[in-house]
Amino acid sequence: MPVKLGSKLPAESEARIEIIPLIDVMFFLLASFMLVSLSMVNLKSVKVNLPTATTATLDTKRDFVSISVDKAGTIFLDKQVVGPNEMVLRLNDWRHTNDNVRVFISGDQDVRYGAVMRVLDLVRSTGIQKVAFEIRDAKPNP
């Protein structure tokens, strides 16, 4: 094989694409998208003081509706104040477009039990069966 002047490589060497830097870039992009998508989940609910539970499991999915009940008993559907009738109408519309819709109910720990149960009853009256209560982790005892 002919050798170029001043080079110890053959003149007909093929160009190579180094994939190790590409793997680093792809890993960075993957991690960035995962962090952004996880932070977007919390944007749909109203800030309430959640009760604690020690046997809770984290359950976050797409295609969900967030219903919050604040201390005064006001109902929020995806951060918008709604009345019971409007909530039922919007949930019915949502269920007709997606049969697997999930509802997360987050009630302030100081709200009356009946207010949260009334919201649960209204959600179930629309035919939605996938309902979960949002809670926060209990602080470990030192």
N, C-alpha and C. Protein backbone atom coordinates (compact mmCIF):
# COMPACT_ATOMS: atom_id res chain seq x y z
N MET A 1 0.84 -1.19 0.00
CA MET A 1 0.00 0.00 0.00
C MET A 1 0.87 1.24 0.00
N PRO A 2 0.45 2.25 -0.75
CA PRO A 2 1.24 3.49 -0.77
C PRO A 2 1.06 4.24 0.55
N VAL A 3 2.10 4.86 1.01
CA VAL A 3 2.10 5.62 2.26
C VAL A 3 2.29 7.09 1.92
N LYS A 4 1.48 7.96 2.55
CA LYS A 4 1.64 9.39 2.34
C LYS A 4 2.92 9.86 3.00
N LEU A 5 3.43 10.88 2.45
CA LEU A 5 4.65 11.45 2.98
C LEU A 5 4.38 12.08 4.34
N GLY A 6 5.10 11.73 5.37
CA GLY A 6 4.95 12.29 6.70
C GLY A 6 3.86 11.60 7.51
N SER A 7 3.17 10.61 6.98
CA SER A 7 2.11 9.91 7.71
C SER A 7 2.43 8.44 7.74
N LYS A 8 2.18 7.84 8.88
CA LYS A 8 2.42 6.41 9.01
C LYS A 8 1.17 5.59 8.75
N LEU A 9 0.07 6.27 8.41
CA LEU A 9 -1.18 5.59 8.12
C LEU A 9 -1.27 5.30 6.63
N PRO A 10 -1.94 4.23 6.27
CA PRO A 10 -2.15 3.97 4.84
C PRO A 10 -2.95 5.11 4.22
N ALA A 11 -2.72 5.39 2.95
CA ALA A 11 -3.38 6.50 2.26
C ALA A 11 -4.87 6.24 2.08
N GLU A 12 -5.30 5.01 2.08
CA GLU A 12 -6.69 4.69 1.80
C GLU A 12 -7.47 4.30 3.06
N SER A 13 -7.17 4.91 4.20
CA SER A 13 -7.89 4.58 5.44
C SER A 13 -9.30 5.18 5.38
N GLU A 14 -10.24 4.44 5.95
CA GLU A 14 -11.62 4.88 5.94
C GLU A 14 -11.88 5.82 7.11
N ALA A 15 -12.80 6.75 6.92
CA ALA A 15 -13.19 7.67 7.99
C ALA A 15 -14.04 6.91 9.00
N ARG A 16 -13.81 7.18 10.27
CA ARG A 16 -14.57 6.52 11.34
C ARG A 16 -15.38 7.55 12.11
N ILE A 17 -16.52 7.13 12.57
CA ILE A 17 -17.33 7.97 13.43
C ILE A 17 -17.17 7.45 14.85
N GLU A 18 -16.66 8.28 15.71
CA GLU A 18 -16.49 7.89 17.10
C GLU A 18 -17.84 8.06 17.80
N ILE A 19 -18.36 6.98 18.38
CA ILE A 19 -19.69 7.05 18.99
C ILE A 19 -19.66 7.35 20.48
N ILE A 20 -18.52 7.28 21.11
CA ILE A 20 -18.48 7.53 22.55
C ILE A 20 -18.92 8.96 22.89
N PRO A 21 -18.46 10.00 22.18
CA PRO A 21 -18.99 11.34 22.49
C PRO A 21 -20.49 11.45 22.20
N LEU A 22 -20.96 10.74 21.19
CA LEU A 22 -22.40 10.76 20.89
C LEU A 22 -23.20 10.11 22.00
N ILE A 23 -22.69 9.06 22.59
CA ILE A 23 -23.38 8.40 23.70
C ILE A 23 -23.49 9.36 24.88
N ASP A 24 -22.44 10.11 25.15
CA ASP A 24 -22.48 11.09 26.24
C ASP A 24 -23.54 12.15 25.99
N VAL A 25 -23.63 12.63 24.78
CA VAL A 25 -24.62 13.65 24.44
C VAL A 25 -26.03 13.08 24.56
N MET A 26 -26.24 11.88 24.07
CA MET A 26 -27.57 11.27 24.15
C MET A 26 -27.98 11.00 25.60
N PHE A 27 -27.04 10.58 26.44
CA PHE A 27 -27.35 10.36 27.84
C PHE A 27 -27.74 11.68 28.51
N PHE A 28 -27.03 12.76 28.20
CA PHE A 28 -27.36 14.07 28.76
C PHE A 28 -28.76 14.50 28.33
N LEU A 29 -29.10 14.32 27.05
CA LEU A 29 -30.43 14.69 26.57
C LEU A 29 -31.51 13.85 27.23
N LEU A 30 -31.28 12.56 27.38
CA LEU A 30 -32.24 11.68 28.04
C LEU A 30 -32.48 12.12 29.47
N ALA A 31 -31.41 12.38 30.20
CA ALA A 31 -31.55 12.81 31.60
C ALA A 31 -32.28 14.15 31.68
N SER A 32 -31.99 15.06 30.76
CA SER A 32 -32.67 16.36 30.77
C SER A 32 -34.16 16.22 30.51
N PHE A 33 -34.54 15.42 29.53
CA PHE A 33 -35.95 15.23 29.24
C PHE A 33 -36.68 14.53 30.38
N MET A 34 -36.02 13.59 31.04
CA MET A 34 -36.65 12.91 32.17
C MET A 34 -36.90 13.90 33.32
N LEU A 35 -35.93 14.74 33.62
CA LEU A 35 -36.11 15.71 34.70
C LEU A 35 -37.21 16.72 34.38
N VAL A 36 -37.26 17.18 33.14
CA VAL A 36 -38.29 18.14 32.76
C VAL A 36 -39.67 17.49 32.82
N SER A 37 -39.80 16.26 32.34
CA SER A 37 -41.11 15.60 32.36
C SER A 37 -41.57 15.29 33.78
N LEU A 38 -40.65 14.97 34.67
CA LEU A 38 -41.04 14.72 36.06
C LEU A 38 -41.47 16.01 36.75
N SER A 39 -40.87 17.12 36.42
CA SER A 39 -41.25 18.37 37.06
C SER A 39 -42.59 18.87 36.54
N MET A 40 -42.99 18.46 35.35
CA MET A 40 -44.26 18.91 34.79
C MET A 40 -45.45 18.24 35.46
N VAL A 41 -45.27 17.11 36.09
CA VAL A 41 -46.37 16.40 36.73
C VAL A 41 -46.95 17.23 37.86
N ASN A 42 -46.12 17.93 38.61
CA ASN A 42 -46.58 18.68 39.77
C ASN A 42 -47.23 20.01 39.40
N LEU A 43 -47.18 20.42 38.16
CA LEU A 43 -47.72 21.71 37.77
C LEU A 43 -49.24 21.73 37.68
N LYS A 44 -49.90 20.58 37.68
CA LYS A 44 -51.34 20.53 37.46
C LYS A 44 -52.16 20.58 38.74
N SER A 45 -51.53 20.59 39.91
CA SER A 45 -52.33 20.57 41.12
C SER A 45 -52.15 21.86 41.92
N VAL A 46 -53.15 22.15 42.73
CA VAL A 46 -53.14 23.32 43.59
C VAL A 46 -52.36 22.98 44.85
N LYS A 47 -51.64 23.93 45.40
CA LYS A 47 -50.83 23.71 46.60
C LYS A 47 -51.76 23.56 47.80
N VAL A 48 -51.79 22.35 48.37
CA VAL A 48 -52.57 22.08 49.58
C VAL A 48 -51.66 21.35 50.56
N ASN A 49 -52.02 21.39 51.82
CA ASN A 49 -51.27 20.71 52.87
C ASN A 49 -51.75 19.27 52.92
N LEU A 50 -51.00 18.34 52.32
CA LEU A 50 -51.43 16.95 52.18
C LEU A 50 -51.24 16.18 53.48
N PRO A 51 -52.13 15.23 53.77
CA PRO A 51 -51.92 14.35 54.93
C PRO A 51 -50.80 13.36 54.63
N THR A 52 -50.33 12.68 55.65
CA THR A 52 -49.22 11.75 55.48
C THR A 52 -49.70 10.31 55.52
N ALA A 53 -48.89 9.42 54.95
CA ALA A 53 -49.15 7.98 54.99
C ALA A 53 -47.81 7.27 54.92
N THR A 54 -47.68 6.18 55.66
CA THR A 54 -46.41 5.47 55.69
C THR A 54 -46.34 4.35 54.66
N THR A 55 -47.48 3.87 54.17
CA THR A 55 -47.48 2.76 53.20
C THR A 55 -47.85 3.24 51.81
N ALA A 56 -47.56 4.49 51.51
CA ALA A 56 -47.94 5.06 50.22
C ALA A 56 -46.97 4.61 49.13
N THR A 57 -47.51 4.52 47.92
CA THR A 57 -46.68 4.24 46.75
C THR A 57 -46.86 5.39 45.77
N LEU A 58 -45.81 5.72 45.07
CA LEU A 58 -45.85 6.80 44.11
C LEU A 58 -46.52 6.30 42.84
N ASP A 59 -47.54 7.00 42.38
CA ASP A 59 -48.30 6.58 41.21
C ASP A 59 -48.50 7.79 40.31
N THR A 60 -47.63 7.95 39.33
CA THR A 60 -47.76 9.07 38.40
C THR A 60 -47.87 8.50 36.99
N LYS A 61 -48.93 8.92 36.31
CA LYS A 61 -49.17 8.46 34.94
C LYS A 61 -49.57 9.67 34.11
N ARG A 62 -49.51 9.47 32.83
CA ARG A 62 -50.06 10.46 31.94
C ARG A 62 -51.57 10.25 31.90
N ASP A 63 -52.25 11.13 31.24
CA ASP A 63 -53.71 11.04 31.09
C ASP A 63 -54.40 11.03 32.44
N PHE A 64 -54.17 12.05 33.22
CA PHE A 64 -54.84 12.12 34.51
C PHE A 64 -55.40 13.51 34.73
N VAL A 65 -56.35 13.56 35.64
CA VAL A 65 -56.98 14.81 36.04
C VAL A 65 -56.66 15.01 37.51
N SER A 66 -56.30 16.21 37.87
CA SER A 66 -55.99 16.52 39.25
C SER A 66 -57.13 17.34 39.84
N ILE A 67 -57.71 16.81 40.92
CA ILE A 67 -58.76 17.53 41.63
C ILE A 67 -58.23 17.83 43.02
N SER A 68 -58.32 19.10 43.42
CA SER A 68 -57.84 19.50 44.74
C SER A 68 -58.99 20.12 45.52
N VAL A 69 -58.99 19.86 46.83
CA VAL A 69 -59.97 20.45 47.73
C VAL A 69 -59.17 21.19 48.79
N ASP A 70 -59.36 22.51 48.86
CA ASP A 70 -58.58 23.27 49.84
C ASP A 70 -59.26 23.27 51.20
N LYS A 71 -58.67 23.98 52.13
CA LYS A 71 -59.14 23.98 53.52
C LYS A 71 -60.59 24.45 53.65
N ALA A 72 -61.00 25.37 52.78
CA ALA A 72 -62.37 25.90 52.84
C ALA A 72 -63.38 25.00 52.13
N GLY A 73 -62.92 23.95 51.45
CA GLY A 73 -63.82 23.05 50.74
C GLY A 73 -64.01 23.43 49.28
N THR A 74 -63.26 24.39 48.78
CA THR A 74 -63.35 24.81 47.38
C THR A 74 -62.72 23.74 46.50
N ILE A 75 -63.38 23.42 45.40
CA ILE A 75 -62.92 22.37 44.49
C ILE A 75 -62.16 23.01 43.33
N PHE A 76 -60.97 22.47 43.04
CA PHE A 76 -60.15 22.92 41.92
C PHE A 76 -59.97 21.74 40.97
N LEU A 77 -60.24 21.97 39.70
CA LEU A 77 -60.02 20.96 38.67
C LEU A 77 -58.88 21.47 37.80
N ASP A 78 -57.71 20.86 37.92
CA ASP A 78 -56.50 21.31 37.22
C ASP A 78 -56.26 22.80 37.46
N LYS A 79 -56.25 23.20 38.71
CA LYS A 79 -55.96 24.56 39.20
C LYS A 79 -57.04 25.59 38.87
N GLN A 80 -58.20 25.16 38.42
CA GLN A 80 -59.29 26.09 38.13
C GLN A 80 -60.43 25.81 39.09
N VAL A 81 -60.96 26.87 39.70
CA VAL A 81 -62.07 26.71 40.63
C VAL A 81 -63.30 26.29 39.84
N VAL A 82 -63.93 25.21 40.30
CA VAL A 82 -65.14 24.72 39.65
C VAL A 82 -66.17 24.37 40.72
N GLY A 83 -67.42 24.41 40.31
CA GLY A 83 -68.49 23.94 41.16
C GLY A 83 -68.71 22.45 40.91
N PRO A 84 -69.51 21.82 41.75
CA PRO A 84 -69.74 20.37 41.58
C PRO A 84 -70.33 20.00 40.22
N ASN A 85 -71.30 20.78 39.74
CA ASN A 85 -71.94 20.45 38.45
C ASN A 85 -70.96 20.62 37.29
N GLU A 86 -70.18 21.70 37.32
CA GLU A 86 -69.20 21.91 36.25
C GLU A 86 -68.13 20.83 36.28
N MET A 87 -67.73 20.39 37.48
CA MET A 87 -66.73 19.33 37.59
C MET A 87 -67.25 18.03 36.95
N VAL A 88 -68.50 17.69 37.23
CA VAL A 88 -69.09 16.47 36.67
C VAL A 88 -69.16 16.57 35.15
N LEU A 89 -69.56 17.72 34.63
CA LEU A 89 -69.65 17.89 33.17
C LEU A 89 -68.28 17.75 32.52
N ARG A 90 -67.26 18.38 33.10
CA ARG A 90 -65.92 18.30 32.51
C ARG A 90 -65.33 16.91 32.62
N LEU A 91 -65.60 16.21 33.73
CA LEU A 91 -65.12 14.83 33.87
C LEU A 91 -65.81 13.91 32.88
N ASN A 92 -67.10 14.12 32.64
CA ASN A 92 -67.81 13.32 31.64
C ASN A 92 -67.20 13.53 30.26
N ASP A 93 -66.91 14.78 29.92
CA ASP A 93 -66.28 15.06 28.63
C ASP A 93 -64.93 14.38 28.53
N TRP A 94 -64.16 14.46 29.60
CA TRP A 94 -62.82 13.87 29.62
C TRP A 94 -62.92 12.34 29.47
N ARG A 95 -63.88 11.73 30.18
CA ARG A 95 -64.03 10.27 30.12
C ARG A 95 -64.48 9.80 28.74
N HIS A 96 -65.29 10.59 28.05
CA HIS A 96 -65.75 10.19 26.71
C HIS A 96 -64.61 10.24 25.70
N THR A 97 -63.60 11.08 25.93
CA THR A 97 -62.47 11.13 25.01
C THR A 97 -61.39 10.12 25.39
N ASN A 98 -61.38 9.66 26.65
CA ASN A 98 -60.36 8.73 27.11
C ASN A 98 -60.98 7.80 28.15
N ASP A 99 -61.15 6.53 27.80
CA ASP A 99 -61.77 5.58 28.73
C ASP A 99 -60.89 5.25 29.92
N ASN A 100 -59.59 5.42 29.79
CA ASN A 100 -58.67 5.08 30.88
C ASN A 100 -58.23 6.30 31.68
N VAL A 101 -59.06 7.31 31.75
CA VAL A 101 -58.69 8.52 32.48
C VAL A 101 -58.55 8.19 33.97
N ARG A 102 -57.55 8.80 34.58
CA ARG A 102 -57.30 8.61 36.01
C ARG A 102 -57.51 9.93 36.72
N VAL A 103 -57.99 9.87 37.94
CA VAL A 103 -58.25 11.07 38.72
C VAL A 103 -57.43 10.99 40.00
N PHE A 104 -56.69 12.06 40.28
CA PHE A 104 -55.95 12.19 41.54
C PHE A 104 -56.65 13.25 42.37
N ILE A 105 -57.09 12.87 43.56
CA ILE A 105 -57.74 13.80 44.46
C ILE A 105 -56.76 14.15 45.57
N SER A 106 -56.51 15.45 45.74
CA SER A 106 -55.66 15.89 46.83
C SER A 106 -56.47 16.85 47.69
N GLY A 107 -56.68 16.44 48.93
CA GLY A 107 -57.45 17.25 49.86
C GLY A 107 -56.57 17.74 50.99
N ASP A 108 -56.74 18.99 51.37
CA ASP A 108 -55.99 19.54 52.49
C ASP A 108 -56.29 18.70 53.73
N GLN A 109 -55.29 18.52 54.59
CA GLN A 109 -55.52 17.68 55.77
C GLN A 109 -56.49 18.31 56.75
N ASP A 110 -56.75 19.62 56.62
CA ASP A 110 -57.68 20.29 57.53
C ASP A 110 -59.08 20.42 56.94
N VAL A 111 -59.30 19.89 55.73
CA VAL A 111 -60.62 19.96 55.13
C VAL A 111 -61.52 18.91 55.79
N ARG A 112 -62.81 19.17 55.79
CA ARG A 112 -63.75 18.21 56.37
C ARG A 112 -63.79 16.95 55.51
N TYR A 113 -63.87 15.82 56.16
CA TYR A 113 -63.88 14.51 55.49
C TYR A 113 -65.01 14.43 54.47
N GLY A 114 -66.16 14.98 54.81
CA GLY A 114 -67.32 14.91 53.93
C GLY A 114 -67.11 15.63 52.61
N ALA A 115 -66.32 16.70 52.61
CA ALA A 115 -66.09 17.45 51.37
C ALA A 115 -65.29 16.60 50.39
N VAL A 116 -64.29 15.89 50.88
CA VAL A 116 -63.49 15.03 50.00
C VAL A 116 -64.32 13.84 49.53
N MET A 117 -65.13 13.27 50.40
CA MET A 117 -65.97 12.14 50.01
C MET A 117 -67.04 12.56 49.00
N ARG A 118 -67.52 13.80 49.12
CA ARG A 118 -68.49 14.30 48.14
C ARG A 118 -67.84 14.40 46.76
N VAL A 119 -66.58 14.86 46.71
CA VAL A 119 -65.85 14.94 45.44
C VAL A 119 -65.64 13.53 44.88
N LEU A 120 -65.25 12.58 45.74
CA LEU A 120 -65.08 11.19 45.30
C LEU A 120 -66.38 10.63 44.74
N ASP A 121 -67.49 10.91 45.41
CA ASP A 121 -68.79 10.42 44.95
C ASP A 121 -69.15 11.02 43.59
N LEU A 122 -68.85 12.31 43.41
CA LEU A 122 -69.13 12.95 42.12
C LEU A 122 -68.26 12.37 41.00
N VAL A 123 -67.01 12.08 41.32
CA VAL A 123 -66.11 11.48 40.32
C VAL A 123 -66.63 10.10 39.93
N ARG A 124 -67.01 9.30 40.92
CA ARG A 124 -67.52 7.95 40.62
C ARG A 124 -68.84 8.00 39.87
N SER A 125 -69.64 9.05 40.07
CA SER A 125 -70.92 9.14 39.35
C SER A 125 -70.72 9.34 37.86
N THR A 126 -69.53 9.80 37.45
CA THR A 126 -69.26 9.97 36.01
C THR A 126 -68.83 8.67 35.35
N GLY A 127 -68.62 7.63 36.15
CA GLY A 127 -68.20 6.35 35.60
C GLY A 127 -66.70 6.12 35.65
N ILE A 128 -65.96 7.08 36.17
CA ILE A 128 -64.51 6.93 36.30
C ILE A 128 -64.23 6.08 37.53
N GLN A 129 -63.50 4.99 37.33
CA GLN A 129 -63.20 4.08 38.44
C GLN A 129 -61.77 4.16 38.92
N LYS A 130 -60.89 4.76 38.13
CA LYS A 130 -59.47 4.85 38.51
C LYS A 130 -59.24 6.16 39.25
N VAL A 131 -59.40 6.08 40.57
CA VAL A 131 -59.28 7.25 41.42
C VAL A 131 -58.22 6.98 42.47
N ALA A 132 -57.36 7.95 42.72
CA ALA A 132 -56.32 7.81 43.75
C ALA A 132 -56.29 9.08 44.57
N PHE A 133 -55.86 8.94 45.83
CA PHE A 133 -55.70 10.08 46.72
C PHE A 133 -54.23 10.44 46.79
N GLU A 134 -53.95 11.72 46.60
CA GLU A 134 -52.57 12.18 46.64
C GLU A 134 -52.21 12.51 48.08
N ILE A 135 -51.08 11.98 48.52
CA ILE A 135 -50.60 12.23 49.89
C ILE A 135 -49.12 12.52 49.83
N ARG A 136 -48.54 12.93 50.93
CA ARG A 136 -47.10 13.12 51.00
C ARG A 136 -46.53 12.11 51.98
N ASP A 137 -45.23 11.85 51.84
CA ASP A 137 -44.57 10.89 52.72
C ASP A 137 -44.52 11.42 54.14
N ALA A 138 -44.64 10.50 55.09
CA ALA A 138 -44.49 10.88 56.49
C ALA A 138 -43.02 11.10 56.79
N LYS A 139 -42.73 12.07 57.64
CA LYS A 139 -41.34 12.32 58.02
C LYS A 139 -40.89 11.20 58.94
N PRO A 140 -39.70 10.63 58.69
CA PRO A 140 -39.23 9.54 59.54
C PRO A 140 -38.94 10.04 60.95
N ASN A 141 -39.23 9.18 61.92
CA ASN A 141 -38.96 9.52 63.32
C ASN A 141 -37.48 9.34 63.61
N PRO A 142 -36.85 10.38 64.24
CA PRO A 142 -35.42 10.24 64.54
C PRO A 142 -35.14 9.29 65.67
